[in-house]
Amino acid sequence: MRRRRWIAGLLAATALAAAGAGCGSDESSTSDGVTVVGGDVPDRHHPGAEVFLRSGCLACHRIGRSGNDGPGPRLTRVGARLDAAAIARVLVSPRPPMPSFQSLPRSERRALVEYLAARR
């Protein structure tokens, strides 16, 4: 059941990201419980924030009031817990159920790492 909820949340967040939710609106939510509050994704115009939103990270993670409470950890202050090298390692070789982002173009992965490392 938890995996089914995770997959539903991932699909919903991906659909929200594709529709541009969270990039200009104050708040959007889906029936699967994914909430995107536009003001909660600082530097939305930062290339790494755009990758974060487009990749569906909010399906499993939370930043401020946006996203879901799991199965992944909150990322509001991830940069205070992990340095950029550790974040990069997690993106390439994560623990299940998180997918690997190894196939992301290197420039996008670098922007994502920079964005997350700055979250202090």
Protein backbone atom coordinates (compact mmCIF):
# COMPACT_ATOMS: atom_id res chain seq x y z
CA MET A 1 0.00 0.00 0.00
CA ARG A 2 2.81 2.43 0.85
CA ARG A 3 4.48 1.76 -2.52
CA ARG A 4 1.18 2.35 -4.34
CA ARG A 5 0.80 5.72 -2.54
CA TRP A 6 4.41 6.59 -3.40
CA ILE A 7 3.85 5.80 -7.10
CA ALA A 8 0.59 7.78 -7.14
CA GLY A 9 2.35 10.74 -5.51
CA LEU A 10 5.23 10.53 -7.97
CA LEU A 11 2.84 10.52 -10.93
CA ALA A 12 0.87 13.42 -9.48
CA ALA A 13 3.97 15.52 -8.82
CA THR A 14 5.29 14.80 -12.30
CA ALA A 15 1.95 15.90 -13.76
CA LEU A 16 2.03 19.07 -11.64
CA ALA A 17 5.57 19.85 -12.72
CA ALA A 18 4.70 19.29 -16.38
CA ALA A 19 1.73 21.62 -16.02
CA GLY A 20 3.94 24.27 -14.44
CA ALA A 21 2.27 24.19 -11.03
CA GLY A 22 4.38 25.73 -8.31
CA CYS A 23 6.21 27.89 -10.79
CA GLY A 24 3.75 30.76 -10.77
CA SER A 25 0.74 29.92 -8.67
CA ASP A 26 0.50 30.35 -4.94
CA GLU A 27 -0.73 26.84 -4.23
CA SER A 28 -1.83 23.75 -6.11
CA SER A 29 -2.80 20.36 -4.78
CA THR A 30 -3.94 17.03 -6.09
CA SER A 31 -6.23 14.34 -4.77
CA ASP A 32 -3.11 12.30 -3.97
CA GLY A 33 -2.02 14.84 -1.37
CA VAL A 34 0.83 16.53 -3.26
CA THR A 35 0.75 20.22 -2.41
CA VAL A 36 2.92 22.76 -4.15
CA VAL A 37 3.05 26.18 -2.53
CA GLY A 38 4.74 28.55 -4.97
CA GLY A 39 6.40 30.69 -2.30
CA ASP A 40 7.93 27.63 -0.60
CA VAL A 41 10.33 26.81 -3.40
CA PRO A 42 12.90 29.59 -3.03
CA ASP A 43 14.69 30.76 -6.15
CA ARG A 44 12.10 29.04 -8.35
CA HIS A 45 13.86 30.54 -11.33
CA HIS A 46 17.17 28.97 -10.33
CA PRO A 47 17.98 26.22 -12.86
CA GLY A 48 18.30 23.69 -10.02
CA ALA A 49 14.86 24.57 -8.64
CA GLU A 50 13.40 24.08 -12.09
CA VAL A 51 15.04 20.63 -12.30
CA PHE A 52 13.76 19.85 -8.78
CA LEU A 53 10.17 20.73 -9.72
CA ARG A 54 10.27 19.09 -13.15
CA SER A 55 11.74 15.84 -11.77
CA GLY A 56 8.85 15.21 -9.39
CA CYS A 57 10.93 15.40 -6.20
CA LEU A 58 7.96 16.81 -4.28
CA ALA A 59 6.17 13.47 -4.64
CA CYS A 60 8.45 12.02 -1.95
CA HIS A 61 10.13 15.03 -0.34
CA ARG A 62 9.01 18.24 1.32
CA ILE A 63 10.46 21.75 1.17
CA GLY A 64 8.75 24.08 3.62
CA ARG A 65 5.02 23.52 3.13
CA SER A 66 5.37 22.06 -0.39
CA GLY A 67 5.45 18.36 -1.23
CA ASN A 68 4.84 15.15 0.69
CA ASP A 69 6.07 13.85 4.02
CA GLY A 70 7.72 10.78 2.60
CA PRO A 71 8.94 8.32 1.92
CA GLY A 72 11.96 10.61 1.49
CA PRO A 73 13.29 13.06 4.10
CA ARG A 74 12.43 16.76 4.29
CA LEU A 75 14.76 18.83 2.15
CA THR A 76 14.03 22.24 3.66
CA ARG A 77 17.52 22.44 5.22
CA VAL A 78 19.29 19.58 3.43
CA GLY A 79 22.36 21.78 2.77
CA ALA A 80 22.89 22.09 6.52
CA ARG A 81 22.97 18.29 6.86
CA LEU A 82 24.85 17.27 3.70
CA ASP A 83 27.56 18.94 1.66
CA ALA A 84 27.37 19.18 -2.13
CA ALA A 85 29.48 16.04 -2.67
CA ALA A 86 27.19 13.95 -0.44
CA ILE A 87 24.09 15.29 -2.20
CA ALA A 88 25.62 14.41 -5.58
CA ARG A 89 26.35 10.87 -4.37
CA VAL A 90 22.78 10.40 -3.16
CA LEU A 91 21.38 11.59 -6.51
CA VAL A 92 23.49 9.05 -8.42
CA SER A 93 23.38 6.11 -5.97
CA PRO A 94 20.28 6.55 -3.78
CA ARG A 95 18.66 4.09 -1.42
CA PRO A 96 15.35 2.62 -2.66
CA PRO A 97 12.68 3.69 -3.33
CA MET A 98 14.38 6.88 -4.58
CA PRO A 99 15.25 6.67 -8.28
CA SER A 100 18.75 7.43 -9.53
CA PHE A 101 19.29 10.73 -11.32
CA GLN A 102 22.45 9.50 -13.02
CA SER A 103 20.77 9.86 -16.42
CA LEU A 104 20.09 13.57 -15.89
CA PRO A 105 22.36 15.71 -18.06
CA ARG A 106 25.44 16.64 -16.04
CA SER A 107 24.63 20.37 -16.14
CA GLU A 108 21.13 19.75 -14.75
CA ARG A 109 22.43 17.42 -12.05
CA ARG A 110 25.06 20.02 -11.09
CA ALA A 111 22.35 22.73 -10.90
CA LEU A 112 20.19 20.46 -8.74
CA VAL A 113 23.09 19.75 -6.37
CA GLU A 114 23.88 23.46 -6.15
CA TYR A 115 20.25 24.29 -5.39
CA LEU A 116 19.91 21.61 -2.69
CA ALA A 117 23.29 22.39 -1.09
CA ALA A 118 22.21 26.03 -0.71
CA ARG A 119 19.13 24.98 1.30
CA ARG A 120 20.42 25.81 4.78
